[in-house]
Amino acid sequence: GERGDHFGEMTNINQSLTTLGRVITQLSEGQTQGVCYRESKLTRVLQDSLGGNCITIVIATLAPTPQAVDESVYTVKFADRARRIKQNVFLNEKKEVVG
């Protein structure tokens, strides 16, 4: 039923976010081999952005309420781990514009 579909969707989202957290942790610790990108569709899609030849920006948003303190602390820790990912970005191809 509809309730079961909703629960399944929430489970998939949580699994994807957990895998994203593991990938971010692995990359922030300098691990480049054996990163678990294939464990979720989300990390598969973000693979080039997280560990590839891309400049990636993460925007962390926090709720300014006392009820959201725990979630806000977790978000700041996640953003800090993402900030520590080091990538060597290089120009793939240089195109000359003729005008």
C-alpha atoms as a PDB file:
ATOM      1  CA  GLY A   1       0.000   0.000   0.000  1.00  0.00           C
ATOM      2  CA  GLU A   2       0.809   3.663   0.071  1.00  0.00           C
ATOM      3  CA  ARG A   3       2.218   3.513   3.600  1.00  0.00           C
ATOM      4  CA  GLY A   4       4.600   0.703   2.664  1.00  0.00           C
ATOM      5  CA  ASP A   5       5.751   2.607  -0.438  1.00  0.00           C
ATOM      6  CA  HIS A   6       6.478   5.673   1.684  1.00  0.00           C
ATOM      7  CA  PHE A   7       8.443   3.601   4.216  1.00  0.00           C
ATOM      8  CA  GLY A   8      10.462   1.984   1.413  1.00  0.00           C
ATOM      9  CA  GLU A   9      11.270   5.398  -0.062  1.00  0.00           C
ATOM     10  CA  MET A  10      12.390   6.723   3.339  1.00  0.00           C
ATOM     11  CA  THR A  11      14.566   3.641   3.819  1.00  0.00           C
ATOM     12  CA  ASN A  12      16.231   4.182   0.420  1.00  0.00           C
ATOM     13  CA  ILE A  13      16.853   7.862   1.161  1.00  0.00           C
ATOM     14  CA  ASN A  14      18.400   7.037   4.544  1.00  0.00           C
ATOM     15  CA  GLN A  15      20.599   4.347   2.960  1.00  0.00           C
ATOM     16  CA  SER A  16      21.780   6.821   0.300  1.00  0.00           C
ATOM     17  CA  LEU A  17      22.573   9.503   2.883  1.00  0.00           C
ATOM     18  CA  THR A  18      24.426   6.990   5.070  1.00  0.00           C
ATOM     19  CA  THR A  19      26.492   5.875   2.075  1.00  0.00           C
ATOM     20  CA  LEU A  20      27.171   9.510   1.138  1.00  0.00           C
ATOM     21  CA  GLY A  21      28.436  10.109   4.682  1.00  0.00           C
ATOM     22  CA  ARG A  22      30.770   7.097   4.434  1.00  0.00           C
ATOM     23  CA  VAL A  23      32.098   8.238   1.038  1.00  0.00           C
ATOM     24  CA  ILE A  24      32.714  11.771   2.366  1.00  0.00           C
ATOM     25  CA  THR A  25      34.509  10.333   5.408  1.00  0.00           C
ATOM     26  CA  GLN A  26      36.696   8.054   3.273  1.00  0.00           C
ATOM     27  CA  LEU A  27      37.646  10.870   0.897  1.00  0.00           C
ATOM     28  CA  SER A  28      38.270  13.387   3.700  1.00  0.00           C
ATOM     29  CA  GLU A  29      40.741  10.920   5.235  1.00  0.00           C
ATOM     30  CA  GLY A  30      42.641  10.754   1.938  1.00  0.00           C
ATOM     31  CA  GLN A  31      41.399   7.312   0.939  1.00  0.00           C
ATOM     32  CA  THR A  32      41.009   7.064  -2.833  1.00  0.00           C
ATOM     33  CA  GLN A  33      41.011   3.294  -3.338  1.00  0.00           C
ATOM     34  CA  GLY A  34      38.000   1.184  -2.389  1.00  0.00           C
ATOM     35  CA  VAL A  35      35.592   4.080  -1.897  1.00  0.00           C
ATOM     36  CA  CYS A  36      32.036   2.674  -1.716  1.00  0.00           C
ATOM     37  CA  TYR A  37      30.415   4.737  -4.514  1.00  0.00           C
ATOM     38  CA  ARG A  38      28.434   1.753  -5.843  1.00  0.00           C
ATOM     39  CA  GLU A  39      26.426   1.231  -2.664  1.00  0.00           C
ATOM     40  CA  SER A  40      23.794   3.821  -3.606  1.00  0.00           C
ATOM     41  CA  LYS A  41      22.463   5.574  -6.670  1.00  0.00           C
ATOM     42  CA  LEU A  42      23.182   8.952  -5.068  1.00  0.00           C
ATOM     43  CA  THR A  43      26.896   8.317  -4.591  1.00  0.00           C
ATOM     44  CA  ARG A  44      27.103   6.729  -8.025  1.00  0.00           C
ATOM     45  CA  VAL A  45      25.708   9.915  -9.575  1.00  0.00           C
ATOM     46  CA  LEU A  46      27.991  12.125  -7.445  1.00  0.00           C
ATOM     47  CA  GLN A  47      31.133  10.010  -7.958  1.00  0.00           C
ATOM     48  CA  ASP A  48      32.824  12.409 -10.406  1.00  0.00           C
ATOM     49  CA  SER A  49      31.838  15.430  -8.309  1.00  0.00           C
ATOM     50  CA  LEU A  50      33.164  13.948  -5.069  1.00  0.00           C
ATOM     51  CA  GLY A  51      36.264  12.084  -6.124  1.00  0.00           C
ATOM     52  CA  GLY A  52      36.795  13.087  -9.704  1.00  0.00           C
ATOM     53  CA  ASN A  53      38.201  16.003 -11.617  1.00  0.00           C
ATOM     54  CA  CYS A  54      35.671  18.581 -10.430  1.00  0.00           C
ATOM     55  CA  ILE A  55      35.502  21.595  -8.199  1.00  0.00           C
ATOM     56  CA  THR A  56      32.557  20.898  -5.904  1.00  0.00           C
ATOM     57  CA  ILE A  57      30.764  23.251  -3.539  1.00  0.00           C
ATOM     58  CA  VAL A  58      28.733  21.979  -0.586  1.00  0.00           C
ATOM     59  CA  ILE A  59      26.215  24.319   0.996  1.00  0.00           C
ATOM     60  CA  ALA A  60      25.166  23.341   4.518  1.00  0.00           C
ATOM     61  CA  THR A  61      21.993  24.867   5.896  1.00  0.00           C
ATOM     62  CA  LEU A  62      21.185  24.978   9.589  1.00  0.00           C
ATOM     63  CA  ALA A  63      17.928  25.531  11.442  1.00  0.00           C
ATOM     64  CA  PRO A  64      18.214  28.334  14.041  1.00  0.00           C
ATOM     65  CA  THR A  65      16.039  26.587  16.627  1.00  0.00           C
ATOM     66  CA  PRO A  66      16.911  24.826  19.869  1.00  0.00           C
ATOM     67  CA  GLN A  67      15.037  21.723  18.671  1.00  0.00           C
ATOM     68  CA  ALA A  68      17.447  21.359  15.730  1.00  0.00           C
ATOM     69  CA  VAL A  69      20.740  21.600  17.655  1.00  0.00           C
ATOM     70  CA  ASP A  70      21.668  17.922  17.236  1.00  0.00           C
ATOM     71  CA  GLU A  71      20.900  17.951  13.517  1.00  0.00           C
ATOM     72  CA  SER A  72      22.761  21.244  13.060  1.00  0.00           C
ATOM     73  CA  VAL A  73      25.869  19.878  14.815  1.00  0.00           C
ATOM     74  CA  TYR A  74      25.787  16.786  12.588  1.00  0.00           C
ATOM     75  CA  THR A  75      25.429  19.012   9.504  1.00  0.00           C
ATOM     76  CA  VAL A  76      28.423  21.156  10.508  1.00  0.00           C
ATOM     77  CA  LYS A  77      30.544  18.027  11.093  1.00  0.00           C
ATOM     78  CA  PHE A  78      29.484  16.647   7.695  1.00  0.00           C
ATOM     79  CA  ALA A  79      30.349  19.946   5.970  1.00  0.00           C
ATOM     80  CA  ASP A  80      33.733  20.003   7.708  1.00  0.00           C
ATOM     81  CA  ARG A  81      34.518  16.481   6.461  1.00  0.00           C
ATOM     82  CA  ALA A  82      33.456  17.493   2.941  1.00  0.00           C
ATOM     83  CA  ARG A  83      35.682  20.586   3.182  1.00  0.00           C
ATOM     84  CA  ARG A  84      38.705  18.405   3.954  1.00  0.00           C
ATOM     85  CA  ILE A  85      38.447  16.465   0.669  1.00  0.00           C
ATOM     86  CA  LYS A  86      41.467  17.296  -1.460  1.00  0.00           C
ATOM     87  CA  GLN A  87      41.216  17.045  -5.222  1.00  0.00           C
ATOM     88  CA  ASN A  88      43.763  17.746  -7.917  1.00  0.00           C
ATOM     89  CA  VAL A  89      41.668  19.447 -10.564  1.00  0.00           C
ATOM     90  CA  PHE A  90      43.210  19.898 -13.995  1.00  0.00           C
ATOM     91  CA  LEU A  91      42.055  21.215 -17.351  1.00  0.00           C
ATOM     92  CA  ASN A  92      40.960  18.311 -19.535  1.00  0.00           C
ATOM     93  CA  GLU A  93      41.075  20.072 -22.851  1.00  0.00           C
ATOM     94  CA  LYS A  94      41.978  23.519 -24.038  1.00  0.00           C
ATOM     95  CA  LYS A  95      39.713  24.854 -26.767  1.00  0.00           C
ATOM     96  CA  GLU A  96      40.646  27.772 -28.937  1.00  0.00           C
ATOM     97  CA  VAL A  97      37.835  30.168 -29.713  1.00  0.00           C
ATOM     98  CA  VAL A  98      37.899  31.515 -33.261  1.00  0.00           C
ATOM     99  CA  GLY A  99      35.941  34.692 -33.599  1.00  0.00           C
END
